[in-house]
Amino acid sequence: MPESGYTQRPDYRVDVHRVRNLIRVTHGDRTLAETTAGLVVAEQDHGIVFYLPAADVRLDLLKPDETTSRCPFKGTAKYWRLPDEDGPVAWTYPEPYQEVAVLRDHIAFYQDRISVEVGVAVPAVSGR
């Protein structure tokens, strides 16, 4: 694995926080993912991105894409696409750098290609 960009830029910020908000990802009438266990990533010089646990993503509705890329601060990304469309709609870092290891087993979606809605999770009500 190539060396982390943090070696050259230890001050670079990739802030990752757990959120309990309901995050729903849809494309047309299909729900691709839904979780209350997501991560919000605020990376220096980038917009905010939500990462969802892979276990909460309908991988049966996505197809691995051959595309890969490398982020010097997160690692090598692999991409996912919709079977009936061209171009990736989501990405993951299977082996993220140690500084952002929490991204492992999470998938992010392009917010300009897929609908990503963030709401308030409704707590479960116990019987009285």
C-alpha atoms as a PDB file:
ATOM      1  CA  MET A   1       0.000   0.000   0.000  1.00  0.00           C
ATOM      2  CA  PRO A   2       1.367   3.469  -0.856  1.00  0.00           C
ATOM      3  CA  GLU A   3       2.362   5.710   2.015  1.00  0.00           C
ATOM      4  CA  SER A   4      -0.344   7.829   3.623  1.00  0.00           C
ATOM      5  CA  GLY A   5      -0.503  11.512   2.660  1.00  0.00           C
ATOM      6  CA  TYR A   6      -0.414  12.330   6.357  1.00  0.00           C
ATOM      7  CA  THR A   7       3.340  11.719   6.247  1.00  0.00           C
ATOM      8  CA  GLN A   8       3.763  14.830   4.092  1.00  0.00           C
ATOM      9  CA  ARG A   9       0.760  16.761   5.471  1.00  0.00           C
ATOM     10  CA  PRO A  10       0.168  15.792   9.123  1.00  0.00           C
ATOM     11  CA  ASP A  11      -2.115  18.834   9.509  1.00  0.00           C
ATOM     12  CA  TYR A  12      -4.571  17.687   6.809  1.00  0.00           C
ATOM     13  CA  ARG A  13      -8.074  17.186   8.245  1.00  0.00           C
ATOM     14  CA  VAL A  14     -10.452  14.314   7.563  1.00  0.00           C
ATOM     15  CA  ASP A  15     -12.935  14.505  10.420  1.00  0.00           C
ATOM     16  CA  VAL A  16     -15.146  11.438  10.844  1.00  0.00           C
ATOM     17  CA  HIS A  17     -18.122  11.372  13.218  1.00  0.00           C
ATOM     18  CA  ARG A  18     -20.776   8.760  13.909  1.00  0.00           C
ATOM     19  CA  VAL A  19     -24.324   9.977  13.406  1.00  0.00           C
ATOM     20  CA  ARG A  20     -27.596   8.425  14.496  1.00  0.00           C
ATOM     21  CA  ASN A  21     -29.687  10.316  11.962  1.00  0.00           C
ATOM     22  CA  LEU A  22     -31.673   8.238   9.529  1.00  0.00           C
ATOM     23  CA  ILE A  23     -29.806   8.207   6.220  1.00  0.00           C
ATOM     24  CA  ARG A  24     -31.708   6.883   3.214  1.00  0.00           C
ATOM     25  CA  VAL A  25     -30.219   6.458  -0.245  1.00  0.00           C
ATOM     26  CA  THR A  26     -32.591   6.083  -3.186  1.00  0.00           C
ATOM     27  CA  HIS A  27     -32.502   6.000  -6.958  1.00  0.00           C
ATOM     28  CA  GLY A  28     -35.912   6.461  -8.501  1.00  0.00           C
ATOM     29  CA  ASP A  29     -38.304   4.269  -6.523  1.00  0.00           C
ATOM     30  CA  ARG A  30     -35.554   1.917  -5.280  1.00  0.00           C
ATOM     31  CA  THR A  31     -34.081   2.208  -1.789  1.00  0.00           C
ATOM     32  CA  LEU A  32     -30.395   1.361  -2.092  1.00  0.00           C
ATOM     33  CA  ALA A  33     -29.489   1.859   1.559  1.00  0.00           C
ATOM     34  CA  GLU A  34     -30.928   2.919   4.886  1.00  0.00           C
ATOM     35  CA  THR A  35     -29.213   3.233   8.249  1.00  0.00           C
ATOM     36  CA  THR A  36     -29.081   4.987  11.597  1.00  0.00           C
ATOM     37  CA  ALA A  37     -25.429   3.970  12.033  1.00  0.00           C
ATOM     38  CA  GLY A  38     -23.738   6.162   9.442  1.00  0.00           C
ATOM     39  CA  LEU A  39     -20.626   8.267   9.444  1.00  0.00           C
ATOM     40  CA  VAL A  40     -20.342  11.876   8.356  1.00  0.00           C
ATOM     41  CA  VAL A  41     -16.978  12.761   6.834  1.00  0.00           C
ATOM     42  CA  ALA A  42     -15.892  16.387   6.605  1.00  0.00           C
ATOM     43  CA  GLU A  43     -12.658  16.461   4.647  1.00  0.00           C
ATOM     44  CA  GLN A  44     -10.573  19.588   4.214  1.00  0.00           C
ATOM     45  CA  ASP A  45     -11.153  21.059   0.725  1.00  0.00           C
ATOM     46  CA  HIS A  46     -14.136  18.721   0.064  1.00  0.00           C
ATOM     47  CA  GLY A  47     -17.845  18.668   0.816  1.00  0.00           C
ATOM     48  CA  ILE A  48     -19.488  16.602   3.530  1.00  0.00           C
ATOM     49  CA  VAL A  49     -20.049  12.941   2.640  1.00  0.00           C
ATOM     50  CA  PHE A  50     -22.098  10.280   4.412  1.00  0.00           C
ATOM     51  CA  TYR A  51     -20.687   6.762   4.655  1.00  0.00           C
ATOM     52  CA  LEU A  52     -23.105   3.928   5.404  1.00  0.00           C
ATOM     53  CA  PRO A  53     -22.249   0.516   6.844  1.00  0.00           C
ATOM     54  CA  ALA A  54     -21.974  -1.972   3.981  1.00  0.00           C
ATOM     55  CA  ALA A  55     -24.355  -4.230   5.910  1.00  0.00           C
ATOM     56  CA  ASP A  56     -27.084  -1.578   5.455  1.00  0.00           C
ATOM     57  CA  VAL A  57     -26.540  -1.204   1.698  1.00  0.00           C
ATOM     58  CA  ARG A  58     -28.509  -3.282  -0.818  1.00  0.00           C
ATOM     59  CA  LEU A  59     -25.459  -4.658  -2.598  1.00  0.00           C
ATOM     60  CA  ASP A  60     -27.777  -6.874  -4.640  1.00  0.00           C
ATOM     61  CA  LEU A  61     -28.885  -3.664  -6.418  1.00  0.00           C
ATOM     62  CA  LEU A  62     -25.310  -2.562  -7.172  1.00  0.00           C
ATOM     63  CA  LYS A  63     -22.532  -3.976  -9.305  1.00  0.00           C
ATOM     64  CA  PRO A  64     -18.785  -3.604  -8.675  1.00  0.00           C
ATOM     65  CA  ASP A  65     -17.201  -1.183 -11.146  1.00  0.00           C
ATOM     66  CA  GLU A  66     -13.690  -1.738 -12.544  1.00  0.00           C
ATOM     67  CA  THR A  67     -12.700   1.821 -11.614  1.00  0.00           C
ATOM     68  CA  THR A  68     -10.264   2.492  -8.776  1.00  0.00           C
ATOM     69  CA  SER A  69      -8.619   5.668  -7.539  1.00  0.00           C
ATOM     70  CA  ARG A  70      -6.283   6.648  -4.753  1.00  0.00           C
ATOM     71  CA  CYS A  71      -6.873   9.326  -2.151  1.00  0.00           C
ATOM     72  CA  PRO A  72      -3.629  10.206  -0.374  1.00  0.00           C
ATOM     73  CA  PHE A  73      -5.530  10.580   2.905  1.00  0.00           C
ATOM     74  CA  LYS A  74      -8.019   7.698   2.779  1.00  0.00           C
ATOM     75  CA  GLY A  75      -6.467   5.006   0.563  1.00  0.00           C
ATOM     76  CA  THR A  76      -7.470   3.191  -2.615  1.00  0.00           C
ATOM     77  CA  ALA A  77     -11.148   3.476  -3.484  1.00  0.00           C
ATOM     78  CA  LYS A  78     -13.202   0.856  -5.276  1.00  0.00           C
ATOM     79  CA  TYR A  79     -16.463   1.822  -6.942  1.00  0.00           C
ATOM     80  CA  TRP A  80     -20.006   0.527  -7.380  1.00  0.00           C
ATOM     81  CA  ARG A  81     -22.528   1.276 -10.110  1.00  0.00           C
ATOM     82  CA  LEU A  82     -26.124   0.494 -10.919  1.00  0.00           C
ATOM     83  CA  PRO A  83     -26.323  -2.528 -13.246  1.00  0.00           C
ATOM     84  CA  ASP A  84     -28.440  -0.676 -15.821  1.00  0.00           C
ATOM     85  CA  GLU A  85     -26.398   2.562 -15.895  1.00  0.00           C
ATOM     86  CA  ASP A  86     -22.896   3.744 -16.745  1.00  0.00           C
ATOM     87  CA  GLY A  87     -20.585   5.355 -14.262  1.00  0.00           C
ATOM     88  CA  PRO A  88     -20.059   4.782 -10.581  1.00  0.00           C
ATOM     89  CA  VAL A  89     -22.639   5.877  -7.997  1.00  0.00           C
ATOM     90  CA  ALA A  90     -20.800   4.795  -4.841  1.00  0.00           C
ATOM     91  CA  TRP A  91     -17.348   4.056  -3.492  1.00  0.00           C
ATOM     92  CA  THR A  92     -15.630   2.312  -0.615  1.00  0.00           C
ATOM     93  CA  TYR A  93     -12.163   2.129   0.899  1.00  0.00           C
ATOM     94  CA  PRO A  94     -11.615  -1.598   1.558  1.00  0.00           C
ATOM     95  CA  GLU A  95      -8.250  -0.941   3.237  1.00  0.00           C
ATOM     96  CA  PRO A  96      -8.288   2.674   4.450  1.00  0.00           C
ATOM     97  CA  TYR A  97      -5.241   4.280   5.993  1.00  0.00           C
ATOM     98  CA  GLN A  98      -4.882   3.933   9.756  1.00  0.00           C
ATOM     99  CA  GLU A  99      -5.915   7.563  10.338  1.00  0.00           C
ATOM    100  CA  VAL A 100      -9.384   6.849   8.879  1.00  0.00           C
ATOM    101  CA  ALA A 101      -9.634   3.117   9.617  1.00  0.00           C
ATOM    102  CA  VAL A 102     -13.263   3.582  10.729  1.00  0.00           C
ATOM    103  CA  LEU A 103     -14.209   3.919   7.018  1.00  0.00           C
ATOM    104  CA  ARG A 104     -13.561   0.206   6.496  1.00  0.00           C
ATOM    105  CA  ASP A 105     -16.782  -1.654   5.597  1.00  0.00           C
ATOM    106  CA  HIS A 106     -18.616   1.609   4.766  1.00  0.00           C
ATOM    107  CA  ILE A 107     -19.917   2.843   1.411  1.00  0.00           C
ATOM    108  CA  ALA A 108     -20.433   6.436   0.293  1.00  0.00           C
ATOM    109  CA  PHE A 109     -22.707   7.616  -2.519  1.00  0.00           C
ATOM    110  CA  TYR A 110     -22.331  10.474  -4.992  1.00  0.00           C
ATOM    111  CA  GLN A 111     -24.942  12.960  -3.836  1.00  0.00           C
ATOM    112  CA  ASP A 112     -25.264  14.403  -7.347  1.00  0.00           C
ATOM    113  CA  ARG A 113     -26.070  10.984  -8.893  1.00  0.00           C
ATOM    114  CA  ILE A 114     -28.168   9.362  -6.159  1.00  0.00           C
ATOM    115  CA  SER A 115     -30.641  10.830  -3.666  1.00  0.00           C
ATOM    116  CA  VAL A 116     -29.192  10.922  -0.158  1.00  0.00           C
ATOM    117  CA  GLU A 117     -31.708  12.026   2.477  1.00  0.00           C
ATOM    118  CA  VAL A 118     -30.793  12.716   6.081  1.00  0.00           C
ATOM    119  CA  GLY A 119     -33.514  12.927   8.700  1.00  0.00           C
ATOM    120  CA  VAL A 120     -34.122  12.395  12.353  1.00  0.00           C
ATOM    121  CA  ALA A 121     -34.229   8.785  13.492  1.00  0.00           C
ATOM    122  CA  VAL A 122     -37.391   7.906  15.364  1.00  0.00           C
ATOM    123  CA  PRO A 123     -36.508   6.090  18.603  1.00  0.00           C
ATOM    124  CA  ALA A 124     -38.179   2.778  19.251  1.00  0.00           C
ATOM    125  CA  VAL A 125     -41.062   3.045  21.697  1.00  0.00           C
ATOM    126  CA  SER A 126     -41.233   0.332  24.316  1.00  0.00           C
ATOM    127  CA  GLY A 127     -44.573  -1.048  25.470  1.00  0.00           C
ATOM    128  CA  ARG A 128     -46.017   0.402  28.655  1.00  0.00           C
END
